[in-house]
Amino acid sequence: VQLVESGGGLVQAGGSLRLSCAASGRTFSS
């Protein structure tokens, strides 16, 4: 099972970020 995150980075204080993470494979049910 592979989990892949995205959306990280550099942001100023008071700002916003949105992280995403998806597990690979449609056979996996969490």
ModelCIF file with pLDDT and N, C-alpha, C, O atoms, coordinates in Angstrom:
data_MODEL
#
_entry.id   MODEL 
#
_entity.id                         1 
_entity.type                       polymer 
_entity.pdbx_number_of_molecules   1 
#
_entity_poly.entity_id                      1 
_entity_poly.type                           'polypeptide(L)' 
_entity_poly.nstd_linkage                   no 
_entity_poly.nstd_monomer                   no 
_entity_poly.pdbx_seq_one_letter_code       VQLVESGGGLVQAGGSLRLSCAASGRTFSS 
_entity_poly.pdbx_seq_one_letter_code_can   VQLVESGGGLVQAGGSLRLSCAASGRTFSS 
_entity_poly.pdbx_strand_id                 A 
#
loop_
_entity_poly_seq.entity_id 
_entity_poly_seq.num 
_entity_poly_seq.mon_id 
_entity_poly_seq.hetero 
1 1  VAL n 
1 2  GLN n 
1 3  LEU n 
1 4  VAL n 
1 5  GLU n 
1 6  SER n 
1 7  GLY n 
1 8  GLY n 
1 9  GLY n 
1 10 LEU n 
1 11 VAL n 
1 12 GLN n 
1 13 ALA n 
1 14 GLY n 
1 15 GLY n 
1 16 SER n 
1 17 LEU n 
1 18 ARG n 
1 19 LEU n 
1 20 SER n 
1 21 CYS n 
1 22 ALA n 
1 23 ALA n 
1 24 SER n 
1 25 GLY n 
1 26 ARG n 
1 27 THR n 
1 28 PHE n 
1 29 SER n 
1 30 SER n 
#
_struct_asym.id          A 
_struct_asym.entity_id   1 
#
loop_
_ma_qa_metric.id 
_ma_qa_metric.mode 
_ma_qa_metric.name 
_ma_qa_metric.software_group_id 
_ma_qa_metric.type 
1 global pLDDT . pLDDT 
2 local  pLDDT . pLDDT 
#
_ma_qa_metric_global.metric_id      1 
_ma_qa_metric_global.metric_value   91.00 
_ma_qa_metric_global.model_id       1 
_ma_qa_metric_global.ordinal_id     1 
#
loop_
_ma_qa_metric_local.label_asym_id 
_ma_qa_metric_local.label_comp_id 
_ma_qa_metric_local.label_seq_id 
_ma_qa_metric_local.metric_id 
_ma_qa_metric_local.metric_value 
_ma_qa_metric_local.model_id 
_ma_qa_metric_local.ordinal_id 
A VAL 1  2 87.00 1 1  
A GLN 2  2 90.00 1 2  
A LEU 3  2 94.00 1 3  
A VAL 4  2 94.00 1 4  
A GLU 5  2 96.00 1 5  
A SER 6  2 96.00 1 6  
A GLY 7  2 97.00 1 7  
A GLY 8  2 97.00 1 8  
A GLY 9  2 98.00 1 9  
A LEU 10 2 98.00 1 10 
A VAL 11 2 98.00 1 11 
A GLN 12 2 98.00 1 12 
A ALA 13 2 98.00 1 13 
A GLY 14 2 98.00 1 14 
A GLY 15 2 98.00 1 15 
A SER 16 2 98.00 1 16 
A LEU 17 2 98.00 1 17 
A ARG 18 2 98.00 1 18 
A LEU 19 2 98.00 1 19 
A SER 20 2 98.00 1 20 
A CYS 21 2 96.00 1 21 
A ALA 22 2 92.00 1 22 
A ALA 23 2 87.00 1 23 
A SER 24 2 83.00 1 24 
A GLY 25 2 69.00 1 25 
A ARG 26 2 60.00 1 26 
A THR 27 2 66.00 1 27 
A PHE 28 2 76.00 1 28 
A SER 29 2 84.00 1 29 
A SER 30 2 90.00 1 30 
#
loop_
_atom_site.group_PDB 
_atom_site.id 
_atom_site.type_symbol 
_atom_site.label_atom_id 
_atom_site.label_alt_id 
_atom_site.label_comp_id 
_atom_site.label_asym_id 
_atom_site.label_entity_id 
_atom_site.label_seq_id 
_atom_site.pdbx_PDB_ins_code 
_atom_site.Cartn_x 
_atom_site.Cartn_y 
_atom_site.Cartn_z 
_atom_site.occupancy 
_atom_site.B_iso_or_equiv 
_atom_site.pdbx_formal_charge 
_atom_site.auth_seq_id 
_atom_site.auth_comp_id 
_atom_site.auth_asym_id 
_atom_site.auth_atom_id 
_atom_site.pdbx_PDB_model_num 
ATOM 1   N N  . VAL A 1 1  ? 0.848   -1.185 0.000  1.00 87.00 ? 1  VAL A N  1 
ATOM 2   C CA . VAL A 1 1  ? 0.000   0.000  0.000  1.00 87.00 ? 1  VAL A CA 1 
ATOM 3   C C  . VAL A 1 1  ? 0.885   1.236  0.000  1.00 87.00 ? 1  VAL A C  1 
ATOM 4   O O  . VAL A 1 1  ? 1.783   1.380  0.829  1.00 87.00 ? 1  VAL A O  1 
ATOM 5   N N  . GLN A 1 2  ? 0.615   2.106  -0.931 1.00 90.00 ? 2  GLN A N  1 
ATOM 6   C CA . GLN A 1 2  ? 1.398   3.320  -1.089 1.00 90.00 ? 2  GLN A CA 1 
ATOM 7   C C  . GLN A 1 2  ? 0.533   4.543  -0.806 1.00 90.00 ? 2  GLN A C  1 
ATOM 8   O O  . GLN A 1 2  ? -0.551  4.688  -1.371 1.00 90.00 ? 2  GLN A O  1 
ATOM 9   N N  . LEU A 1 3  ? 1.013   5.418  0.068  1.00 94.00 ? 3  LEU A N  1 
ATOM 10  C CA . LEU A 1 3  ? 0.371   6.693  0.331  1.00 94.00 ? 3  LEU A CA 1 
ATOM 11  C C  . LEU A 1 3  ? 1.247   7.802  -0.227 1.00 94.00 ? 3  LEU A C  1 
ATOM 12  O O  . LEU A 1 3  ? 2.456   7.830  0.006  1.00 94.00 ? 3  LEU A O  1 
ATOM 13  N N  . VAL A 1 4  ? 0.636   8.703  -0.955 1.00 94.00 ? 4  VAL A N  1 
ATOM 14  C CA . VAL A 1 4  ? 1.367   9.793  -1.583 1.00 94.00 ? 4  VAL A CA 1 
ATOM 15  C C  . VAL A 1 4  ? 0.755   11.114 -1.152 1.00 94.00 ? 4  VAL A C  1 
ATOM 16  O O  . VAL A 1 4  ? -0.418  11.384 -1.411 1.00 94.00 ? 4  VAL A O  1 
ATOM 17  N N  . GLU A 1 5  ? 1.563   11.934 -0.489 1.00 96.00 ? 5  GLU A N  1 
ATOM 18  C CA . GLU A 1 5  ? 1.134   13.259 -0.060 1.00 96.00 ? 5  GLU A CA 1 
ATOM 19  C C  . GLU A 1 5  ? 1.514   14.311 -1.100 1.00 96.00 ? 5  GLU A C  1 
ATOM 20  O O  . GLU A 1 5  ? 2.457   14.137 -1.872 1.00 96.00 ? 5  GLU A O  1 
ATOM 21  N N  . SER A 1 6  ? 0.763   15.393 -1.099 1.00 96.00 ? 6  SER A N  1 
ATOM 22  C CA . SER A 1 6  ? 1.086   16.527 -1.939 1.00 96.00 ? 6  SER A CA 1 
ATOM 23  C C  . SER A 1 6  ? 0.552   17.797 -1.287 1.00 96.00 ? 6  SER A C  1 
ATOM 24  O O  . SER A 1 6  ? -0.305  17.739 -0.405 1.00 96.00 ? 6  SER A O  1 
ATOM 25  N N  . GLY A 1 7  ? 1.058   18.928 -1.721 1.00 97.00 ? 7  GLY A N  1 
ATOM 26  C CA . GLY A 1 7  ? 0.558   20.207 -1.256 1.00 97.00 ? 7  GLY A CA 1 
ATOM 27  C C  . GLY A 1 7  ? 1.422   20.924 -0.247 1.00 97.00 ? 7  GLY A C  1 
ATOM 28  O O  . GLY A 1 7  ? 1.130   22.062 0.118  1.00 97.00 ? 7  GLY A O  1 
ATOM 29  N N  . GLY A 1 8  ? 2.482   20.281 0.213  1.00 97.00 ? 8  GLY A N  1 
ATOM 30  C CA . GLY A 1 8  ? 3.372   20.930 1.154  1.00 97.00 ? 8  GLY A CA 1 
ATOM 31  C C  . GLY A 1 8  ? 4.171   22.030 0.491  1.00 97.00 ? 8  GLY A C  1 
ATOM 32  O O  . GLY A 1 8  ? 4.230   22.123 -0.735 1.00 97.00 ? 8  GLY A O  1 
ATOM 33  N N  . GLY A 1 9  ? 4.783   22.860 1.312  1.00 98.00 ? 9  GLY A N  1 
ATOM 34  C CA . GLY A 1 9  ? 5.586   23.939 0.792  1.00 98.00 ? 9  GLY A CA 1 
ATOM 35  C C  . GLY A 1 9  ? 5.821   25.011 1.819  1.00 98.00 ? 9  GLY A C  1 
ATOM 36  O O  . GLY A 1 9  ? 5.668   24.794 3.021  1.00 98.00 ? 9  GLY A O  1 
ATOM 37  N N  . LEU A 1 10 ? 6.195   26.172 1.328  1.00 98.00 ? 10 LEU A N  1 
ATOM 38  C CA . LEU A 1 10 ? 6.502   27.324 2.164  1.00 98.00 ? 10 LEU A CA 1 
ATOM 39  C C  . LEU A 1 10 ? 5.340   28.299 2.146  1.00 98.00 ? 10 LEU A C  1 
ATOM 40  O O  . LEU A 1 10 ? 4.808   28.627 1.085  1.00 98.00 ? 10 LEU A O  1 
ATOM 41  N N  . VAL A 1 11 ? 4.951   28.758 3.316  1.00 98.00 ? 11 VAL A N  1 
ATOM 42  C CA . VAL A 1 11 ? 3.849   29.704 3.436  1.00 98.00 ? 11 VAL A CA 1 
ATOM 43  C C  . VAL A 1 11 ? 4.152   30.684 4.561  1.00 98.00 ? 11 VAL A C  1 
ATOM 44  O O  . VAL A 1 11 ? 4.838   30.343 5.525  1.00 98.00 ? 11 VAL A O  1 
ATOM 45  N N  . GLN A 1 12 ? 3.643   31.887 4.436  1.00 98.00 ? 12 GLN A N  1 
ATOM 46  C CA . GLN A 1 12 ? 3.820   32.891 5.476  1.00 98.00 ? 12 GLN A CA 1 
ATOM 47  C C  . GLN A 1 12 ? 2.881   32.642 6.643  1.00 98.00 ? 12 GLN A C  1 
ATOM 48  O O  . GLN A 1 12 ? 1.795   32.089 6.471  1.00 98.00 ? 12 GLN A O  1 
ATOM 49  N N  . ALA A 1 13 ? 3.302   33.052 7.825  1.00 98.00 ? 13 ALA A N  1 
ATOM 50  C CA . ALA A 1 13 ? 2.438   32.970 8.995  1.00 98.00 ? 13 ALA A CA 1 
ATOM 51  C C  . ALA A 1 13 ? 1.117   33.683 8.722  1.00 98.00 ? 13 ALA A C  1 
ATOM 52  O O  . ALA A 1 13 ? 1.086   34.774 8.151  1.00 98.00 ? 13 ALA A O  1 
ATOM 53  N N  . GLY A 1 14 ? 0.035   33.047 9.140  1.00 98.00 ? 14 GLY A N  1 
ATOM 54  C CA . GLY A 1 14 ? -1.293  33.568 8.881  1.00 98.00 ? 14 GLY A CA 1 
ATOM 55  C C  . GLY A 1 14 ? -1.901  33.075 7.589  1.00 98.00 ? 14 GLY A C  1 
ATOM 56  O O  . GLY A 1 14 ? -3.092  33.270 7.347  1.00 98.00 ? 14 GLY A O  1 
ATOM 57  N N  . GLY A 1 15 ? -1.100  32.439 6.757  1.00 98.00 ? 15 GLY A N  1 
ATOM 58  C CA . GLY A 1 15 ? -1.570  31.931 5.486  1.00 98.00 ? 15 GLY A CA 1 
ATOM 59  C C  . GLY A 1 15 ? -2.173  30.551 5.588  1.00 98.00 ? 15 GLY A C  1 
ATOM 60  O O  . GLY A 1 15 ? -2.395  30.025 6.679  1.00 98.00 ? 15 GLY A O  1 
ATOM 61  N N  . SER A 1 16 ? -2.438  29.967 4.416  1.00 98.00 ? 16 SER A N  1 
ATOM 62  C CA . SER A 1 16 ? -3.115  28.680 4.341  1.00 98.00 ? 16 SER A CA 1 
ATOM 63  C C  . SER A 1 16 ? -2.420  27.741 3.375  1.00 98.00 ? 16 SER A C  1 
ATOM 64  O O  . SER A 1 16 ? -1.774  28.173 2.420  1.00 98.00 ? 16 SER A O  1 
ATOM 65  N N  . LEU A 1 17 ? -2.560  26.457 3.636  1.00 98.00 ? 17 LEU A N  1 
ATOM 66  C CA . LEU A 1 17 ? -2.130  25.398 2.742  1.00 98.00 ? 17 LEU A CA 1 
ATOM 67  C C  . LEU A 1 17 ? -3.151  24.284 2.787  1.00 98.00 ? 17 LEU A C  1 
ATOM 68  O O  . LEU A 1 17 ? -3.848  24.106 3.786  1.00 98.00 ? 17 LEU A O  1 
ATOM 69  N N  . ARG A 1 18 ? -3.238  23.533 1.697  1.00 98.00 ? 18 ARG A N  1 
ATOM 70  C CA . ARG A 1 18 ? -4.111  22.378 1.636  1.00 98.00 ? 18 ARG A CA 1 
ATOM 71  C C  . ARG A 1 18 ? -3.290  21.161 1.229  1.00 98.00 ? 18 ARG A C  1 
ATOM 72  O O  . ARG A 1 18 ? -2.739  21.111 0.129  1.00 98.00 ? 18 ARG A O  1 
ATOM 73  N N  . LEU A 1 19 ? -3.214  20.190 2.119  1.00 98.00 ? 19 LEU A N  1 
ATOM 74  C CA . LEU A 1 19 ? -2.497  18.956 1.859  1.00 98.00 ? 19 LEU A CA 1 
ATOM 75  C C  . LEU A 1 19 ? -3.454  17.886 1.360  1.00 98.00 ? 19 LEU A C  1 
ATOM 76  O O  . LEU A 1 19 ? -4.621  17.844 1.749  1.00 98.00 ? 19 LEU A O  1 
ATOM 77  N N  . SER A 1 20 ? -2.945  17.026 0.497  1.00 98.00 ? 20 SER A N  1 
ATOM 78  C CA . SER A 1 20 ? -3.710  15.899 -0.005 1.00 98.00 ? 20 SER A CA 1 
ATOM 79  C C  . SER A 1 20 ? -2.903  14.629 0.174  1.00 98.00 ? 20 SER A C  1 
ATOM 80  O O  . SER A 1 20 ? -1.673  14.654 0.150  1.00 98.00 ? 20 SER A O  1 
ATOM 81  N N  . CYS A 1 21 ? -3.596  13.525 0.354  1.00 96.00 ? 21 CYS A N  1 
ATOM 82  C CA . CYS A 1 21 ? -2.942  12.231 0.451  1.00 96.00 ? 21 CYS A CA 1 
ATOM 83  C C  . CYS A 1 21 ? -3.876  11.168 -0.093 1.00 96.00 ? 21 CYS A C  1 
ATOM 84  O O  . CYS A 1 21 ? -5.049  11.110 0.278  1.00 96.00 ? 21 CYS A O  1 
ATOM 85  N N  . ALA A 1 22 ? -3.356  10.331 -0.971 1.00 92.00 ? 22 ALA A N  1 
ATOM 86  C CA . ALA A 1 22 ? -4.150  9.277  -1.576 1.00 92.00 ? 22 ALA A CA 1 
ATOM 87  C C  . ALA A 1 22 ? -3.440  7.940  -1.456 1.00 92.00 ? 22 ALA A C  1 
ATOM 88  O O  . ALA A 1 22 ? -2.231  7.843  -1.664 1.00 92.00 ? 22 ALA A O  1 
ATOM 89  N N  . ALA A 1 23 ? -4.203  6.916  -1.119 1.00 87.00 ? 23 ALA A N  1 
ATOM 90  C CA . ALA A 1 23 ? -3.691  5.557  -1.093 1.00 87.00 ? 23 ALA A CA 1 
ATOM 91  C C  . ALA A 1 23 ? -3.873  4.926  -2.459 1.00 87.00 ? 23 ALA A C  1 
ATOM 92  O O  . ALA A 1 23 ? -4.916  5.085  -3.093 1.00 87.00 ? 23 ALA A O  1 
ATOM 93  N N  . SER A 1 24 ? -2.860  4.214  -2.906 1.00 83.00 ? 24 SER A N  1 
ATOM 94  C CA . SER A 1 24 ? -2.906  3.602  -4.225 1.00 83.00 ? 24 SER A CA 1 
ATOM 95  C C  . SER A 1 24 ? -3.709  2.311  -4.220 1.00 83.00 ? 24 SER A C  1 
ATOM 96  O O  . SER A 1 24 ? -3.792  1.619  -3.205 1.00 83.00 ? 24 SER A O  1 
ATOM 97  N N  . GLY A 1 25 ? -4.300  1.997  -5.370 1.00 69.00 ? 25 GLY A N  1 
ATOM 98  C CA . GLY A 1 25 ? -4.991  0.739  -5.550 1.00 69.00 ? 25 GLY A CA 1 
ATOM 99  C C  . GLY A 1 25 ? -6.445  0.769  -5.139 1.00 69.00 ? 25 GLY A C  1 
ATOM 100 O O  . GLY A 1 25 ? -6.771  1.093  -3.997 1.00 69.00 ? 25 GLY A O  1 
ATOM 101 N N  . ARG A 1 26 ? -7.315  0.432  -6.067 1.00 60.00 ? 26 ARG A N  1 
ATOM 102 C CA . ARG A 1 26 ? -8.745  0.403  -5.764 1.00 60.00 ? 26 ARG A CA 1 
ATOM 103 C C  . ARG A 1 26 ? -9.142  -0.807 -4.926 1.00 60.00 ? 26 ARG A C  1 
ATOM 104 O O  . ARG A 1 26 ? -10.243 -0.838 -4.377 1.00 60.00 ? 26 ARG A O  1 
ATOM 105 N N  . THR A 1 27 ? -8.271  -1.798 -4.817 1.00 66.00 ? 27 THR A N  1 
ATOM 106 C CA . THR A 1 27 ? -8.545  -2.955 -3.977 1.00 66.00 ? 27 THR A CA 1 
ATOM 107 C C  . THR A 1 27 ? -8.388  -2.663 -2.494 1.00 66.00 ? 27 THR A C  1 
ATOM 108 O O  . THR A 1 27 ? -8.871  -3.429 -1.661 1.00 66.00 ? 27 THR A O  1 
ATOM 109 N N  . PHE A 1 28 ? -7.724  -1.574 -2.154 1.00 76.00 ? 28 PHE A N  1 
ATOM 110 C CA . PHE A 1 28 ? -7.528  -1.198 -0.766 1.00 76.00 ? 28 PHE A CA 1 
ATOM 111 C C  . PHE A 1 28 ? -8.729  -0.428 -0.252 1.00 76.00 ? 28 PHE A C  1 
ATOM 112 O O  . PHE A 1 28 ? -9.185  0.526  -0.881 1.00 76.00 ? 28 PHE A O  1 
ATOM 113 N N  . SER A 1 29 ? -9.237  -0.849 0.896  1.00 84.00 ? 29 SER A N  1 
ATOM 114 C CA . SER A 1 29 ? -10.350 -0.177 1.556  1.00 84.00 ? 29 SER A CA 1 
ATOM 115 C C  . SER A 1 29 ? -9.932  0.159  2.978  1.00 84.00 ? 29 SER A C  1 
ATOM 116 O O  . SER A 1 29 ? -9.586  -0.733 3.753  1.00 84.00 ? 29 SER A O  1 
ATOM 117 N N  . SER A 1 30 ? -9.961  1.424  3.320  1.00 90.00 ? 30 SER A N  1 
ATOM 118 C CA . SER A 1 30 ? -9.502  1.860  4.628  1.00 90.00 ? 30 SER A CA 1 
ATOM 119 C C  . SER A 1 30 ? -10.663 2.179  5.556  1.00 90.00 ? 30 SER A C  1 
ATOM 120 O O  . SER A 1 30 ? -10.446 2.563  6.705  1.00 90.00 ? 30 SER A O  1 
#
